[in-house]
Structures are given as C-alpha cells and as structure tokens.
Amino acid sequence: MNANFDSGRDRELGDLLREVLTPSGNVEFVSRVMARLPGAGSFWDVLAGWARPGIAAAILLAAALGYWLAPRDSAVPTAAEVLAAEQSLDREAMTGFVLGTGR
C-alpha cells in the first residue's frame, strides 16, 4: 500500500475488495433465503393481510380529517386557524383543550 495519500485508484485495495465482495455460492445463499420465507399464498391472501392495517389507517385518516374540517361554533380556534395566525397560543385555551373542558 502507498504511504502517501493519492486520489488515484489503489490496485491492492481494489483487489482485496473484489475478493471479499465477490459472491461465492450464490445459488446456495438464494436457496437458504428462499427456504426461510413463508409460503406465498394466493393474491387474495396477500390482500387479506393488508386489509386490517389498511382499514385501520383509513379510519384514522377519516377521523383526523373530520376533526380538522368540522365546523365549530365555539370561540376556540381550529387547528388550521391557530397555524395560520401570527399570534402566540392561548395557554388557557390549550390547557382546556388538553384536559377536555374545551374544544
């Protein structure tokens, strides 16, 4: 190896990296990985596995959007109004919201 730093290619390092990183026994490795994978079901089995998390995410999104977009009659500003305002947050209103006494 060179004692001085050089921005050019280092043949010795390149040869070592190629030796270490060259796949050997690629077929055996792939067969071991494939043996550990669960058996693939039908297309409908895959979709059924996604159904519960997908439905839960859709319900959560619908609830969040409904809360965000719901009209309010009280004097407490909506989240969009608070974010758009150039004033600081009202601590009493925020405390009331967190404790459930206001909305």
PDB file of N, CA and C in Angstrom:
ATOM      1  N   MET A   1       0.846  -1.184   0.000  1.00  0.00           N
ATOM      2  CA  MET A   1       0.000   0.000   0.000  1.00  0.00           C
ATOM      3  C   MET A   1       0.887   1.242   0.000  1.00  0.00           C
ATOM      4  N   ASN A   2       0.374   2.296  -0.574  1.00  0.00           N
ATOM      5  CA  ASN A   2       1.122   3.549  -0.617  1.00  0.00           C
ATOM      6  C   ASN A   2       1.098   4.223   0.745  1.00  0.00           C
ATOM      7  N   ALA A   3       2.234   4.801   1.138  1.00  0.00           N
ATOM      8  CA  ALA A   3       2.297   5.534   2.399  1.00  0.00           C
ATOM      9  C   ALA A   3       1.700   6.923   2.230  1.00  0.00           C
ATOM     10  N   ASN A   4       1.691   7.437   1.008  1.00  0.00           N
ATOM     11  CA  ASN A   4       1.144   8.767   0.739  1.00  0.00           C
ATOM     12  C   ASN A   4      -0.286   8.650   0.244  1.00  0.00           C
ATOM     13  N   PHE A   5      -1.072   9.665   0.559  1.00  0.00           N
ATOM     14  CA  PHE A   5      -2.444   9.697   0.070  1.00  0.00           C
ATOM     15  C   PHE A   5      -2.437  10.083  -1.392  1.00  0.00           C
ATOM     16  N   ASP A   6      -3.174   9.318  -2.170  1.00  0.00           N
ATOM     17  CA  ASP A   6      -3.266   9.591  -3.599  1.00  0.00           C
ATOM     18  C   ASP A   6      -4.718   9.438  -3.996  1.00  0.00           C
ATOM     19  N   SER A   7      -5.230  10.346  -4.797  1.00  0.00           N
ATOM     20  CA  SER A   7      -6.633  10.276  -5.193  1.00  0.00           C
ATOM     21  C   SER A   7      -6.880   9.261  -6.306  1.00  0.00           C
ATOM     22  N   GLY A   8      -5.834   8.640  -6.806  1.00  0.00           N
ATOM     23  CA  GLY A   8      -5.983   7.644  -7.853  1.00  0.00           C
ATOM     24  C   GLY A   8      -6.427   6.296  -7.287  1.00  0.00           C
ATOM     25  N   ARG A   9      -6.619   5.359  -8.182  1.00  0.00           N
ATOM     26  CA  ARG A   9      -7.052   4.020  -7.777  1.00  0.00           C
ATOM     27  C   ARG A   9      -5.948   3.283  -7.038  1.00  0.00           C
ATOM     28  N   ASP A  10      -6.363   2.533  -6.033  1.00  0.00           N
ATOM     29  CA  ASP A  10      -5.428   1.697  -5.274  1.00  0.00           C
ATOM     30  C   ASP A  10      -5.683   0.263  -5.714  1.00  0.00           C
ATOM     31  N   ARG A  11      -4.787  -0.279  -6.503  1.00  0.00           N
ATOM     32  CA  ARG A  11      -4.985  -1.621  -7.058  1.00  0.00           C
ATOM     33  C   ARG A  11      -5.050  -2.682  -5.969  1.00  0.00           C
ATOM     34  N   GLU A  12      -4.199  -2.563  -4.950  1.00  0.00           N
ATOM     35  CA  GLU A  12      -4.164  -3.556  -3.898  1.00  0.00           C
ATOM     36  C   GLU A  12      -5.486  -3.584  -3.133  1.00  0.00           C
ATOM     37  N   LEU A  13      -6.004  -2.399  -2.778  1.00  0.00           N
ATOM     38  CA  LEU A  13      -7.282  -2.315  -2.078  1.00  0.00           C
ATOM     39  C   LEU A  13      -8.418  -2.812  -2.971  1.00  0.00           C
ATOM     40  N   GLY A  14      -8.380  -2.446  -4.235  1.00  0.00           N
ATOM     41  CA  GLY A  14      -9.402  -2.898  -5.169  1.00  0.00           C
ATOM     42  C   GLY A  14      -9.435  -4.410  -5.294  1.00  0.00           C
ATOM     43  N   ASP A  15      -8.259  -5.018  -5.374  1.00  0.00           N
ATOM     44  CA  ASP A  15      -8.187  -6.482  -5.458  1.00  0.00           C
ATOM     45  C   ASP A  15      -8.743  -7.140  -4.201  1.00  0.00           C
ATOM     46  N   LEU A  16      -8.419  -6.572  -3.018  1.00  0.00           N
ATOM     47  CA  LEU A  16      -8.930  -7.118  -1.759  1.00  0.00           C
ATOM     48  C   LEU A  16     -10.458  -6.998  -1.687  1.00  0.00           C
ATOM     49  N   LEU A  17     -10.972  -5.844  -2.078  1.00  0.00           N
ATOM     50  CA  LEU A  17     -12.426  -5.649  -2.052  1.00  0.00           C
ATOM     51  C   LEU A  17     -13.136  -6.592  -3.013  1.00  0.00           C
ATOM     52  N   ARG A  18     -12.594  -6.746  -4.213  1.00  0.00           N
ATOM     53  CA  ARG A  18     -13.215  -7.665  -5.171  1.00  0.00           C
ATOM     54  C   ARG A  18     -13.213  -9.092  -4.645  1.00  0.00           C
ATOM     55  N   GLU A  19     -12.131  -9.473  -3.991  1.00  0.00           N
ATOM     56  CA  GLU A  19     -12.027 -10.827  -3.450  1.00  0.00           C
ATOM     57  C   GLU A  19     -13.066 -11.056  -2.349  1.00  0.00           C
ATOM     58  N   VAL A  20     -13.221 -10.079  -1.472  1.00  0.00           N
ATOM     59  CA  VAL A  20     -14.133 -10.230  -0.341  1.00  0.00           C
ATOM     60  C   VAL A  20     -15.602 -10.083  -0.772  1.00  0.00           C
ATOM     61  N   LEU A  21     -15.871  -9.168  -1.692  1.00  0.00           N
ATOM     62  CA  LEU A  21     -17.256  -8.861  -2.051  1.00  0.00           C
ATOM     63  C   LEU A  21     -17.798  -9.662  -3.226  1.00  0.00           C
ATOM     64  N   THR A  22     -16.980 -10.462  -3.868  1.00  0.00           N
ATOM     65  CA  THR A  22     -17.461 -11.287  -4.969  1.00  0.00           C
ATOM     66  C   THR A  22     -18.304 -12.421  -4.394  1.00  0.00           C
ATOM     67  N   PRO A  23     -19.530 -12.557  -4.883  1.00  0.00           N
ATOM     68  CA  PRO A  23     -20.386 -13.604  -4.325  1.00  0.00           C
ATOM     69  C   PRO A  23     -19.889 -14.984  -4.705  1.00  0.00           C
ATOM     70  N   SER A  24     -19.760 -15.815  -3.703  1.00  0.00           N
ATOM     71  CA  SER A  24     -19.434 -17.206  -3.971  1.00  0.00           C
ATOM     72  C   SER A  24     -20.541 -18.041  -3.359  1.00  0.00           C
ATOM     73  N   GLY A  25     -20.952 -19.047  -4.026  1.00  0.00           N
ATOM     74  CA  GLY A  25     -22.057 -19.850  -3.524  1.00  0.00           C
ATOM     75  C   GLY A  25     -23.374 -19.095  -3.583  1.00  0.00           C
ATOM     76  N   ASN A  26     -23.557 -18.330  -4.643  1.00  0.00           N
ATOM     77  CA  ASN A  26     -24.760 -17.522  -4.788  1.00  0.00           C
ATOM     78  C   ASN A  26     -26.025 -18.385  -4.802  1.00  0.00           C
ATOM     79  N   VAL A  27     -25.978 -19.517  -5.449  1.00  0.00           N
ATOM     80  CA  VAL A  27     -27.140 -20.396  -5.546  1.00  0.00           C
ATOM     81  C   VAL A  27     -27.518 -20.934  -4.168  1.00  0.00           C
ATOM     82  N   GLU A  28     -26.516 -21.312  -3.380  1.00  0.00           N
ATOM     83  CA  GLU A  28     -26.786 -21.819  -2.036  1.00  0.00           C
ATOM     84  C   GLU A  28     -27.397 -20.738  -1.152  1.00  0.00           C
ATOM     85  N   PHE A  29     -26.874 -19.514  -1.273  1.00  0.00           N
ATOM     86  CA  PHE A  29     -27.397 -18.406  -0.480  1.00  0.00           C
ATOM     87  C   PHE A  29     -28.859 -18.131  -0.825  1.00  0.00           C
ATOM     88  N   VAL A  30     -29.170 -18.073  -2.091  1.00  0.00           N
ATOM     89  CA  VAL A  30     -30.548 -17.815  -2.521  1.00  0.00           C
ATOM     90  C   VAL A  30     -31.473 -18.929  -2.051  1.00  0.00           C
ATOM     91  N   SER A  31     -31.031 -20.165  -2.125  1.00  0.00           N
ATOM     92  CA  SER A  31     -31.889 -21.266  -1.680  1.00  0.00           C
ATOM     93  C   SER A  31     -32.118 -21.213  -0.170  1.00  0.00           C
ATOM     94  N   ARG A  32     -31.107 -20.806   0.621  1.00  0.00           N
ATOM     95  CA  ARG A  32     -31.299 -20.664   2.070  1.00  0.00           C
ATOM     96  C   ARG A  32     -32.287 -19.546   2.388  1.00  0.00           C
ATOM     97  N   VAL A  33     -32.163 -18.435   1.688  1.00  0.00           N
ATOM     98  CA  VAL A  33     -33.094 -17.317   1.923  1.00  0.00           C
ATOM     99  C   VAL A  33     -34.511 -17.710   1.538  1.00  0.00           C
ATOM    100  N   MET A  34     -34.659 -18.359   0.404  1.00  0.00           N
ATOM    101  CA  MET A  34     -35.999 -18.745  -0.062  1.00  0.00           C
ATOM    102  C   MET A  34     -36.625 -19.786   0.861  1.00  0.00           C
ATOM    103  N   ALA A  35     -35.802 -20.642   1.464  1.00  0.00           N
ATOM    104  CA  ALA A  35     -36.325 -21.656   2.388  1.00  0.00           C
ATOM    105  C   ALA A  35     -36.865 -21.016   3.663  1.00  0.00           C
ATOM    106  N   ARG A  36     -36.329 -19.880   4.053  1.00  0.00           N
ATOM    107  CA  ARG A  36     -36.794 -19.207   5.269  1.00  0.00           C
ATOM    108  C   ARG A  36     -38.040 -18.369   5.039  1.00  0.00           C
ATOM    109  N   LEU A  37     -38.348 -18.040   3.820  1.00  0.00           N
ATOM    110  CA  LEU A  37     -39.543 -17.242   3.536  1.00  0.00           C
ATOM    111  C   LEU A  37     -40.797 -18.083   3.737  1.00  0.00           C
ATOM    112  N   PRO A  38     -41.854 -17.452   4.272  1.00  0.00           N
ATOM    113  CA  PRO A  38     -43.096 -18.211   4.400  1.00  0.00           C
ATOM    114  C   PRO A  38     -43.666 -18.515   3.018  1.00  0.00           C
ATOM    115  N   GLY A  39     -44.444 -19.562   2.948  1.00  0.00           N
ATOM    116  CA  GLY A  39     -45.041 -19.944   1.670  1.00  0.00           C
ATOM    117  C   GLY A  39     -45.965 -18.859   1.149  1.00  0.00           C
ATOM    118  N   ALA A  40     -45.806 -18.529  -0.080  1.00  0.00           N
ATOM    119  CA  ALA A  40     -46.633 -17.486  -0.678  1.00  0.00           C
ATOM    120  C   ALA A  40     -48.020 -18.033  -0.966  1.00  0.00           C
ATOM    121  N   GLY A  41     -49.013 -17.305  -0.501  1.00  0.00           N
ATOM    122  CA  GLY A  41     -50.390 -17.707  -0.747  1.00  0.00           C
ATOM    123  C   GLY A  41     -50.871 -17.118  -2.063  1.00  0.00           C
ATOM    124  N   SER A  42     -52.152 -17.123  -2.218  1.00  0.00           N
ATOM    125  CA  SER A  42     -52.717 -16.556  -3.438  1.00  0.00           C
ATOM    126  C   SER A  42     -52.723 -15.032  -3.339  1.00  0.00           C
ATOM    127  N   PHE A  43     -53.106 -14.415  -4.416  1.00  0.00           N
ATOM    128  CA  PHE A  43     -53.219 -12.959  -4.478  1.00  0.00           C
ATOM    129  C   PHE A  43     -54.180 -12.447  -3.414  1.00  0.00           C
ATOM    130  N   TRP A  44     -55.247 -13.166  -3.181  1.00  0.00           N
ATOM    131  CA  TRP A  44     -56.261 -12.747  -2.199  1.00  0.00           C
ATOM    132  C   TRP A  44     -55.732 -12.880  -0.780  1.00  0.00           C
ATOM    133  N   ASP A  45     -54.871 -13.855  -0.530  1.00  0.00           N
ATOM    134  CA  ASP A  45     -54.270 -13.981   0.797  1.00  0.00           C
ATOM    135  C   ASP A  45     -53.378 -12.781   1.116  1.00  0.00           C
ATOM    136  N   VAL A  46     -52.645 -12.313   0.124  1.00  0.00           N
ATOM    137  CA  VAL A  46     -51.791 -11.148   0.316  1.00  0.00           C
ATOM    138  C   VAL A  46     -52.644  -9.916   0.599  1.00  0.00           C
ATOM    139  N   LEU A  47     -53.712  -9.728  -0.163  1.00  0.00           N
ATOM    140  CA  LEU A  47     -54.597  -8.583   0.061  1.00  0.00           C
ATOM    141  C   LEU A  47     -55.277  -8.662   1.420  1.00  0.00           C
ATOM    142  N   ALA A  48     -55.641  -9.853   1.848  1.00  0.00           N
ATOM    143  CA  ALA A  48     -56.267 -10.015   3.160  1.00  0.00           C
ATOM    144  C   ALA A  48     -55.293  -9.632   4.272  1.00  0.00           C
ATOM    145  N   GLY A  49     -54.022  -9.891   4.092  1.00  0.00           N
ATOM    146  CA  GLY A  49     -53.021  -9.489   5.073  1.00  0.00           C
ATOM    147  C   GLY A  49     -52.880  -7.983   5.176  1.00  0.00           C
ATOM    148  N   TRP A  50     -53.159  -7.283   4.096  1.00  0.00           N
ATOM    149  CA  TRP A  50     -53.095  -5.827   4.101  1.00  0.00           C
ATOM    150  C   TRP A  50     -54.392  -5.192   4.580  1.00  0.00           C
ATOM    151  N   ALA A  51     -55.476  -5.923   4.643  1.00  0.00           N
ATOM    152  CA  ALA A  51     -56.794  -5.345   4.884  1.00  0.00           C
ATOM    153  C   ALA A  51     -56.900  -4.680   6.248  1.00  0.00           C
ATOM    154  N   ARG A  52     -56.544  -5.377   7.310  1.00  0.00           N
ATOM    155  CA  ARG A  52     -56.712  -4.798   8.650  1.00  0.00           C
ATOM    156  C   ARG A  52     -55.894  -3.527   8.840  1.00  0.00           C
ATOM    157  N   PRO A  53     -54.596  -3.535   8.542  1.00  0.00           N
ATOM    158  CA  PRO A  53     -53.858  -2.271   8.704  1.00  0.00           C
ATOM    159  C   PRO A  53     -54.384  -1.167   7.780  1.00  0.00           C
ATOM    160  N   GLY A  54     -54.805  -1.545   6.587  1.00  0.00           N
ATOM    161  CA  GLY A  54     -55.328  -0.545   5.656  1.00  0.00           C
ATOM    162  C   GLY A  54     -56.631   0.065   6.128  1.00  0.00           C
ATOM    163  N   ILE A  55     -57.515  -0.765   6.653  1.00  0.00           N
ATOM    164  CA  ILE A  55     -58.784  -0.254   7.162  1.00  0.00           C
ATOM    165  C   ILE A  55     -58.544   0.614   8.391  1.00  0.00           C
ATOM    166  N   ALA A  56     -57.645   0.193   9.273  1.00  0.00           N
ATOM    167  CA  ALA A  56     -57.334   0.997  10.456  1.00  0.00           C
ATOM    168  C   ALA A  56     -56.750   2.349  10.066  1.00  0.00           C
ATOM    169  N   ALA A  57     -55.865   2.367   9.079  1.00  0.00           N
ATOM    170  CA  ALA A  57     -55.281   3.628   8.618  1.00  0.00           C
ATOM    171  C   ALA A  57     -56.339   4.519   7.985  1.00  0.00           C
ATOM    172  N   ALA A  58     -57.260   3.943   7.226  1.00  0.00           N
ATOM    173  CA  ALA A  58     -58.325   4.729   6.599  1.00  0.00           C
ATOM    174  C   ALA A  58     -59.255   5.330   7.651  1.00  0.00           C
ATOM    175  N   ILE A  59     -59.573   4.566   8.688  1.00  0.00           N
ATOM    176  CA  ILE A  59     -60.437   5.077   9.760  1.00  0.00           C
ATOM    177  C   ILE A  59     -59.738   6.211  10.499  1.00  0.00           C
ATOM    178  N   LEU A  60     -58.454   6.025  10.794  1.00  0.00           N
ATOM    179  CA  LEU A  60     -57.700   7.069  11.477  1.00  0.00           C
ATOM    180  C   LEU A  60     -57.621   8.334  10.626  1.00  0.00           C
ATOM    181  N   LEU A  61     -57.373   8.193   9.351  1.00  0.00           N
ATOM    182  CA  LEU A  61     -57.306   9.341   8.453  1.00  0.00           C
ATOM    183  C   LEU A  61     -58.649  10.045   8.357  1.00  0.00           C
ATOM    184  N   ALA A  62     -59.735   9.276   8.239  1.00  0.00           N
ATOM    185  CA  ALA A  62     -61.065   9.877   8.161  1.00  0.00           C
ATOM    186  C   ALA A  62     -61.406  10.622   9.446  1.00  0.00           C
ATOM    187  N   ALA A  63     -61.043  10.056  10.596  1.00  0.00           N
ATOM    188  CA  ALA A  63     -61.309  10.730  11.870  1.00  0.00           C
ATOM    189  C   ALA A  63     -60.503  12.018  11.984  1.00  0.00           C
ATOM    190  N   ALA A  64     -59.236  11.969  11.589  1.00  0.00           N
ATOM    191  CA  ALA A  64     -58.399  13.171  11.668  1.00  0.00           C
ATOM    192  C   ALA A  64     -58.914  14.261  10.735  1.00  0.00           C
ATOM    193  N   LEU A  65     -59.278  13.880   9.515  1.00  0.00           N
ATOM    194  CA  LEU A  65     -59.806  14.878   8.575  1.00  0.00           C
ATOM    195  C   LEU A  65     -61.154  15.415   9.045  1.00  0.00           C
ATOM    196  N   GLY A  66     -61.985  14.547   9.597  1.00  0.00           N
ATOM    197  CA  GLY A  66     -63.271  15.004  10.108  1.00  0.00           C
ATOM    198  C   GLY A  66     -63.098  15.972  11.255  1.00  0.00           C
ATOM    199  N   TYR A  67     -62.167  15.704  12.130  1.00  0.00           N
ATOM    200  CA  TYR A  67     -61.916  16.617  13.241  1.00  0.00           C
ATOM    201  C   TYR A  67     -61.345  17.932  12.734  1.00  0.00           C
ATOM    202  N   TRP A  68     -60.431  17.842  11.778  1.00  0.00           N
ATOM    203  CA  TRP A  68     -59.771  19.041  11.249  1.00  0.00           C
ATOM    204  C   TRP A  68     -60.760  19.928  10.504  1.00  0.00           C
ATOM    205  N   LEU A  69     -61.657  19.327   9.745  1.00  0.00           N
ATOM    206  CA  LEU A  69     -62.556  20.096   8.886  1.00  0.00           C
ATOM    207  C   LEU A  69     -63.920  20.387   9.501  1.00  0.00           C
ATOM    208  N   ALA A  70     -64.209  19.832  10.669  1.00  0.00           N
ATOM    209  CA  ALA A  70     -65.525  20.007  11.282  1.00  0.00           C
ATOM    210  C   ALA A  70     -65.730  21.469  11.684  1.00  0.00           C
ATOM    211  N   PRO A  71     -66.916  22.014  11.359  1.00  0.00           N
ATOM    212  CA  PRO A  71     -67.193  23.395  11.778  1.00  0.00           C
ATOM    213  C   PRO A  71     -67.384  23.459  13.297  1.00  0.00           C
ATOM    214  N   ARG A  72     -66.976  24.561  13.877  1.00  0.00           N
ATOM    215  CA  ARG A  72     -67.104  24.740  15.317  1.00  0.00           C
ATOM    216  C   ARG A  72     -67.870  26.038  15.575  1.00  0.00           C
ATOM    217  N   ASP A  73     -68.692  26.001  16.586  1.00  0.00           N
ATOM    218  CA  ASP A  73     -69.455  27.188  16.958  1.00  0.00           C
ATOM    219  C   ASP A  73     -68.809  27.934  18.118  1.00  0.00           C
ATOM    220  N   SER A  74     -67.847  27.332  18.781  1.00  0.00           N
ATOM    221  CA  SER A  74     -67.246  27.960  19.957  1.00  0.00           C
ATOM    222  C   SER A  74     -66.198  28.976  19.541  1.00  0.00           C
ATOM    223  N   ALA A  75     -65.713  29.698  20.520  1.00  0.00           N
ATOM    224  CA  ALA A  75     -64.713  30.732  20.263  1.00  0.00           C
ATOM    225  C   ALA A  75     -63.302  30.165  20.169  1.00  0.00           C
ATOM    226  N   VAL A  76     -63.131  28.882  20.450  1.00  0.00           N
ATOM    227  CA  VAL A  76     -61.810  28.261  20.368  1.00  0.00           C
ATOM    228  C   VAL A  76     -61.464  28.069  18.890  1.00  0.00           C
ATOM    229  N   PRO A  77     -60.302  28.554  18.456  1.00  0.00           N
ATOM    230  CA  PRO A  77     -59.947  28.444  17.033  1.00  0.00           C
ATOM    231  C   PRO A  77     -59.650  27.007  16.622  1.00  0.00           C
ATOM    232  N   THR A  78     -59.834  26.749  15.346  1.00  0.00           N
ATOM    233  CA  THR A  78     -59.494  25.434  14.819  1.00  0.00           C
ATOM    234  C   THR A  78     -57.982  25.316  14.699  1.00  0.00           C
ATOM    235  N   ALA A  79     -57.512  24.099  14.458  1.00  0.00           N
ATOM    236  CA  ALA A  79     -56.073  23.884  14.314  1.00  0.00           C
ATOM    237  C   ALA A  79     -55.528  24.658  13.116  1.00  0.00           C
ATOM    238  N   ALA A  80     -56.285  24.720  12.045  1.00  0.00           N
ATOM    239  CA  ALA A  80     -55.844  25.463  10.862  1.00  0.00           C
ATOM    240  C   ALA A  80     -55.750  26.952  11.161  1.00  0.00           C
ATOM    241  N   GLU A  81     -56.675  27.475  11.941  1.00  0.00           N
ATOM    242  CA  GLU A  81     -56.634  28.891  12.294  1.00  0.00           C
ATOM    243  C   GLU A  81     -55.452  29.206  13.197  1.00  0.00           C
ATOM    244  N   VAL A  82     -55.159  28.292  14.117  1.00  0.00           N
ATOM    245  CA  VAL A  82     -54.013  28.502  15.010  1.00  0.00           C
ATOM    246  C   VAL A  82     -52.722  28.506  14.212  1.00  0.00           C
ATOM    247  N   LEU A  83     -52.589  27.581  13.268  1.00  0.00           N
ATOM    248  CA  LEU A  83     -51.371  27.512  12.467  1.00  0.00           C
ATOM    249  C   LEU A  83     -51.231  28.714  11.542  1.00  0.00           C
ATOM    250  N   ALA A  84     -52.358  29.268  11.073  1.00  0.00           N
ATOM    251  CA  ALA A  84     -52.307  30.388  10.148  1.00  0.00           C
ATOM    252  C   ALA A  84     -52.153  31.724  10.878  1.00  0.00           C
ATOM    253  N   ALA A  85     -52.461  31.776  12.167  1.00  0.00           N
ATOM    254  CA  ALA A  85     -52.405  33.023  12.918  1.00  0.00           C
ATOM    255  C   ALA A  85     -50.964  33.424  13.216  1.00  0.00           C
ATOM    256  N   GLU A  86     -50.772  34.710  13.330  1.00  0.00           N
ATOM    257  CA  GLU A  86     -49.442  35.217  13.645  1.00  0.00           C
ATOM    258  C   GLU A  86     -49.334  35.576  15.124  1.00  0.00           C
ATOM    259  N   GLN A  87     -50.165  35.015  15.938  1.00  0.00           N
ATOM    260  CA  GLN A  87     -50.135  35.300  17.367  1.00  0.00           C
ATOM    261  C   GLN A  87     -49.736  34.039  18.129  1.00  0.00           C
ATOM    262  N   SER A  88     -49.341  34.240  19.384  1.00  0.00           N
ATOM    263  CA  SER A  88     -48.944  33.088  20.184  1.00  0.00           C
ATOM    264  C   SER A  88     -50.180  32.336  20.668  1.00  0.00           C
ATOM    265  N   LEU A  89     -49.954  31.098  21.088  1.00  0.00           N
ATOM    266  CA  LEU A  89     -51.055  30.262  21.558  1.00  0.00           C
ATOM    267  C   LEU A  89     -51.587  30.760  22.893  1.00  0.00           C
ATOM    268  N   ASP A  90     -52.879  30.644  23.079  1.00  0.00           N
ATOM    269  CA  ASP A  90     -53.510  30.969  24.347  1.00  0.00           C
ATOM    270  C   ASP A  90     -53.346  29.764  25.270  1.00  0.00           C
ATOM    271  N   ARG A  91     -52.569  29.915  26.338  1.00  0.00           N
ATOM    272  CA  ARG A  91     -52.267  28.787  27.212  1.00  0.00           C
ATOM    273  C   ARG A  91     -53.521  28.246  27.888  1.00  0.00           C
ATOM    274  N   GLU A  92     -54.425  29.109  28.307  1.00  0.00           N
ATOM    275  CA  GLU A  92     -55.643  28.643  28.982  1.00  0.00           C
ATOM    276  C   GLU A  92     -56.525  27.850  28.025  1.00  0.00           C
ATOM    277  N   ALA A  93     -56.650  28.310  26.799  1.00  0.00           N
ATOM    278  CA  ALA A  93     -57.458  27.580  25.823  1.00  0.00           C
ATOM    279  C   ALA A  93     -56.816  26.229  25.511  1.00  0.00           C
ATOM    280  N   MET A  94     -55.481  26.198  25.398  1.00  0.00           N
ATOM    281  CA  MET A  94     -54.789  24.954  25.104  1.00  0.00           C
ATOM    282  C   MET A  94     -54.925  23.982  26.281  1.00  0.00           C
ATOM    283  N   THR A  95     -54.790  24.488  27.503  1.00  0.00           N
ATOM    284  CA  THR A  95     -54.952  23.637  28.678  1.00  0.00           C
ATOM    285  C   THR A  95     -56.367  23.089  28.743  1.00  0.00           C
ATOM    286  N   GLY A  96     -57.358  23.910  28.458  1.00  0.00           N
ATOM    287  CA  GLY A  96     -58.738  23.443  28.443  1.00  0.00           C
ATOM    288  C   GLY A  96     -58.981  22.393  27.390  1.00  0.00           C
ATOM    289  N   PHE A  97     -58.342  22.550  26.252  1.00  0.00           N
ATOM    290  CA  PHE A  97     -58.492  21.558  25.189  1.00  0.00           C
ATOM    291  C   PHE A  97     -57.872  20.228  25.600  1.00  0.00           C
ATOM    292  N   VAL A  98     -56.655  20.294  26.181  1.00  0.00           N
ATOM    293  CA  VAL A  98     -55.957  19.071  26.575  1.00  0.00           C
ATOM    294  C   VAL A  98     -56.703  18.350  27.685  1.00  0.00           C
ATOM    295  N   LEU A  99     -57.260  19.107  28.629  1.00  0.00           N
ATOM    296  CA  LEU A  99     -57.966  18.498  29.753  1.00  0.00           C
ATOM    297  C   LEU A  99     -59.394  18.087  29.389  1.00  0.00           C
ATOM    298  N   GLY A 100     -59.852  18.499  28.222  1.00  0.00           N
ATOM    299  CA  GLY A 100     -61.168  18.077  27.764  1.00  0.00           C
ATOM    300  C   GLY A 100     -62.302  19.000  28.165  1.00  0.00           C
ATOM    301  N   THR A 101     -61.978  20.174  28.682  1.00  0.00           N
ATOM    302  CA  THR A 101     -63.046  21.087  29.071  1.00  0.00           C
ATOM    303  C   THR A 101     -63.426  22.021  27.941  1.00  0.00           C
ATOM    304  N   GLY A 102     -62.632  22.078  26.907  1.00  0.00           N
ATOM    305  CA  GLY A 102     -62.949  22.914  25.752  1.00  0.00           C
ATOM    306  C   GLY A 102     -62.649  22.170  24.485  1.00  0.00           C
ATOM    307  N   ARG A 103     -63.094  22.700  23.379  1.00  0.00           N
ATOM    308  CA  ARG A 103     -62.822  22.037  22.115  1.00  0.00           C
ATOM    309  C   ARG A 103     -62.312  23.002  21.103  1.00  0.00           C
TER     310      ARG A 103
END
